[in-house]
Amino acid sequence: MMTIASEEAERDAWILRLYVAGQTPRSLRAVANIQRICAADLQGLYTLEVIDLYQEPQLAQGEQIVAVPALIKRLPVPLRMVIGDMSDTARVLVGLDLLPK
């Protein structure tokens, strides 16, 4: 598991988990895309955990992961999930409740 925390980690407003399956091109693209989106749109108020299900499959228990890459927004509520390589920025922002549907 890799955790990317902002400098203001003590005041995080966004807790995100990105589930990937190994170092595939799709997984690497998802990591790069969500890091870019977080840097641009969450402006330092987030923690992003990247979880490789090949290395730590037990961490997906209870999350209802049906496909990977999968991004789970744990906080702020409500819990939301976005599936895919995160290349559709608008779809990811809607999934994170940063843009209206």
C-alpha atoms as a PDB file:
ATOM      1  CA  MET A   1       0.000   0.000   0.000  1.00  0.00           C
ATOM      2  CA  MET A   2       1.232   3.454  -0.883  1.00  0.00           C
ATOM      3  CA  THR A   3      -0.175   6.483   0.919  1.00  0.00           C
ATOM      4  CA  ILE A   4       0.101   9.949  -0.552  1.00  0.00           C
ATOM      5  CA  ALA A   5      -0.736  12.559   2.047  1.00  0.00           C
ATOM      6  CA  SER A   6      -0.886  16.258   1.605  1.00  0.00           C
ATOM      7  CA  GLU A   7       1.110  18.602   3.817  1.00  0.00           C
ATOM      8  CA  GLU A   8      -2.088  19.422   5.666  1.00  0.00           C
ATOM      9  CA  ALA A   9      -2.693  15.725   6.484  1.00  0.00           C
ATOM     10  CA  GLU A  10      -3.930  16.655   9.936  1.00  0.00           C
ATOM     11  CA  ARG A  11      -6.888  18.525   8.390  1.00  0.00           C
ATOM     12  CA  ASP A  12      -7.775  16.135   5.559  1.00  0.00           C
ATOM     13  CA  ALA A  13     -11.177  16.741   4.100  1.00  0.00           C
ATOM     14  CA  TRP A  14     -10.907  13.907   1.550  1.00  0.00           C
ATOM     15  CA  ILE A  15      -9.978  10.297   2.259  1.00  0.00           C
ATOM     16  CA  LEU A  16      -9.581   8.322  -0.976  1.00  0.00           C
ATOM     17  CA  ARG A  17      -8.573   4.724  -1.698  1.00  0.00           C
ATOM     18  CA  LEU A  18      -7.563   3.595  -5.162  1.00  0.00           C
ATOM     19  CA  TYR A  19      -7.601  -0.166  -5.667  1.00  0.00           C
ATOM     20  CA  VAL A  20      -5.417  -1.463  -8.513  1.00  0.00           C
ATOM     21  CA  ALA A  21      -4.270  -4.881  -9.743  1.00  0.00           C
ATOM     22  CA  GLY A  22      -0.498  -4.905 -10.112  1.00  0.00           C
ATOM     23  CA  GLN A  23       1.633  -2.616 -12.237  1.00  0.00           C
ATOM     24  CA  THR A  24      -0.435  -2.898 -15.418  1.00  0.00           C
ATOM     25  CA  PRO A  25      -0.620   0.077 -17.793  1.00  0.00           C
ATOM     26  CA  ARG A  26      -4.257   0.639 -16.755  1.00  0.00           C
ATOM     27  CA  SER A  27      -3.337   0.633 -13.051  1.00  0.00           C
ATOM     28  CA  LEU A  28      -0.413   3.004 -13.563  1.00  0.00           C
ATOM     29  CA  ARG A  29      -2.604   5.319 -15.660  1.00  0.00           C
ATOM     30  CA  ALA A  30      -5.257   5.341 -12.909  1.00  0.00           C
ATOM     31  CA  VAL A  31      -2.666   6.270 -10.258  1.00  0.00           C
ATOM     32  CA  ALA A  32      -1.220   9.077 -12.389  1.00  0.00           C
ATOM     33  CA  ASN A  33      -4.664  10.413 -13.320  1.00  0.00           C
ATOM     34  CA  ILE A  34      -6.030  10.480  -9.773  1.00  0.00           C
ATOM     35  CA  GLN A  35      -2.846  12.109  -8.462  1.00  0.00           C
ATOM     36  CA  ARG A  36      -3.233  14.813 -11.120  1.00  0.00           C
ATOM     37  CA  ILE A  37      -6.924  15.331 -10.304  1.00  0.00           C
ATOM     38  CA  CYS A  38      -6.268  15.495  -6.553  1.00  0.00           C
ATOM     39  CA  ALA A  39      -3.427  17.999  -6.973  1.00  0.00           C
ATOM     40  CA  ALA A  40      -5.544  20.244  -9.188  1.00  0.00           C
ATOM     41  CA  ASP A  41      -8.954  19.983  -7.549  1.00  0.00           C
ATOM     42  CA  LEU A  42      -8.477  19.031  -3.896  1.00  0.00           C
ATOM     43  CA  GLN A  43      -5.661  21.513  -3.329  1.00  0.00           C
ATOM     44  CA  GLY A  44      -3.748  19.643  -0.649  1.00  0.00           C
ATOM     45  CA  LEU A  45      -6.668  18.586   1.523  1.00  0.00           C
ATOM     46  CA  TYR A  46      -6.625  14.861   0.836  1.00  0.00           C
ATOM     47  CA  THR A  47      -5.075  11.528   1.624  1.00  0.00           C
ATOM     48  CA  LEU A  48      -4.854   8.995  -1.205  1.00  0.00           C
ATOM     49  CA  GLU A  49      -4.122   5.350  -0.445  1.00  0.00           C
ATOM     50  CA  VAL A  50      -3.135   3.197  -3.430  1.00  0.00           C
ATOM     51  CA  ILE A  51      -3.802  -0.470  -2.685  1.00  0.00           C
ATOM     52  CA  ASP A  52      -2.483  -3.221  -4.951  1.00  0.00           C
ATOM     53  CA  LEU A  53      -4.907  -6.119  -4.615  1.00  0.00           C
ATOM     54  CA  TYR A  54      -2.253  -8.578  -5.806  1.00  0.00           C
ATOM     55  CA  GLN A  55      -0.112  -7.683  -2.790  1.00  0.00           C
ATOM     56  CA  GLU A  56      -2.828  -7.008  -0.204  1.00  0.00           C
ATOM     57  CA  PRO A  57      -6.114  -8.680  -1.246  1.00  0.00           C
ATOM     58  CA  GLN A  58      -7.453  -8.629   2.331  1.00  0.00           C
ATOM     59  CA  LEU A  59      -7.708  -4.821   2.215  1.00  0.00           C
ATOM     60  CA  ALA A  60     -10.605  -5.073  -0.249  1.00  0.00           C
ATOM     61  CA  GLN A  61     -12.801  -7.028   2.147  1.00  0.00           C
ATOM     62  CA  GLY A  62     -15.993  -5.169   2.852  1.00  0.00           C
ATOM     63  CA  GLU A  63     -15.447  -2.605   0.070  1.00  0.00           C
ATOM     64  CA  GLN A  64     -17.488  -4.518  -2.563  1.00  0.00           C
ATOM     65  CA  ILE A  65     -14.813  -4.109  -5.233  1.00  0.00           C
ATOM     66  CA  VAL A  66     -16.280  -5.462  -8.485  1.00  0.00           C
ATOM     67  CA  ALA A  67     -13.627  -4.201 -10.919  1.00  0.00           C
ATOM     68  CA  VAL A  68     -10.274  -2.446 -10.784  1.00  0.00           C
ATOM     69  CA  PRO A  69      -9.027   0.197 -10.876  1.00  0.00           C
ATOM     70  CA  ALA A  70     -11.640   1.385  -8.390  1.00  0.00           C
ATOM     71  CA  LEU A  71     -11.567   4.654  -6.462  1.00  0.00           C
ATOM     72  CA  ILE A  72     -13.465   4.793  -3.160  1.00  0.00           C
ATOM     73  CA  LYS A  73     -14.259   8.159  -1.606  1.00  0.00           C
ATOM     74  CA  ARG A  74     -14.547   7.421   2.106  1.00  0.00           C
ATOM     75  CA  LEU A  75     -14.776  11.023   3.329  1.00  0.00           C
ATOM     76  CA  PRO A  76     -16.563  13.331   3.040  1.00  0.00           C
ATOM     77  CA  VAL A  77     -19.733  11.282   3.108  1.00  0.00           C
ATOM     78  CA  PRO A  78     -21.524   9.861   1.222  1.00  0.00           C
ATOM     79  CA  LEU A  79     -19.278   6.963   0.267  1.00  0.00           C
ATOM     80  CA  ARG A  80     -18.804   6.898  -3.519  1.00  0.00           C
ATOM     81  CA  MET A  81     -17.047   4.600  -6.005  1.00  0.00           C
ATOM     82  CA  VAL A  82     -15.597   5.377  -9.444  1.00  0.00           C
ATOM     83  CA  ILE A  83     -14.369   2.526 -11.639  1.00  0.00           C
ATOM     84  CA  GLY A  84     -11.894   2.860 -14.497  1.00  0.00           C
ATOM     85  CA  ASP A  85      -8.513   4.407 -15.246  1.00  0.00           C
ATOM     86  CA  MET A  86      -9.649   7.869 -14.052  1.00  0.00           C
ATOM     87  CA  SER A  87      -8.909   9.376 -17.486  1.00  0.00           C
ATOM     88  CA  ASP A  88     -12.382  10.941 -17.733  1.00  0.00           C
ATOM     89  CA  THR A  89     -11.733  13.851 -15.362  1.00  0.00           C
ATOM     90  CA  ALA A  90     -15.321  15.124 -15.432  1.00  0.00           C
ATOM     91  CA  ARG A  91     -16.672  11.673 -14.492  1.00  0.00           C
ATOM     92  CA  VAL A  92     -14.197  11.412 -11.610  1.00  0.00           C
ATOM     93  CA  LEU A  93     -15.106  14.904 -10.361  1.00  0.00           C
ATOM     94  CA  VAL A  94     -18.821  14.016 -10.457  1.00  0.00           C
ATOM     95  CA  GLY A  95     -18.019  10.791  -8.600  1.00  0.00           C
ATOM     96  CA  LEU A  96     -16.186  12.780  -5.941  1.00  0.00           C
ATOM     97  CA  ASP A  97     -19.103  15.245  -5.692  1.00  0.00           C
ATOM     98  CA  LEU A  98     -16.925  18.115  -6.957  1.00  0.00           C
ATOM     99  CA  LEU A  99     -19.119  18.751 -10.019  1.00  0.00           C
ATOM    100  CA  PRO A 100     -22.899  18.538 -10.347  1.00  0.00           C
ATOM    101  CA  LYS A 101     -24.231  15.521 -12.265  1.00  0.00           C
END
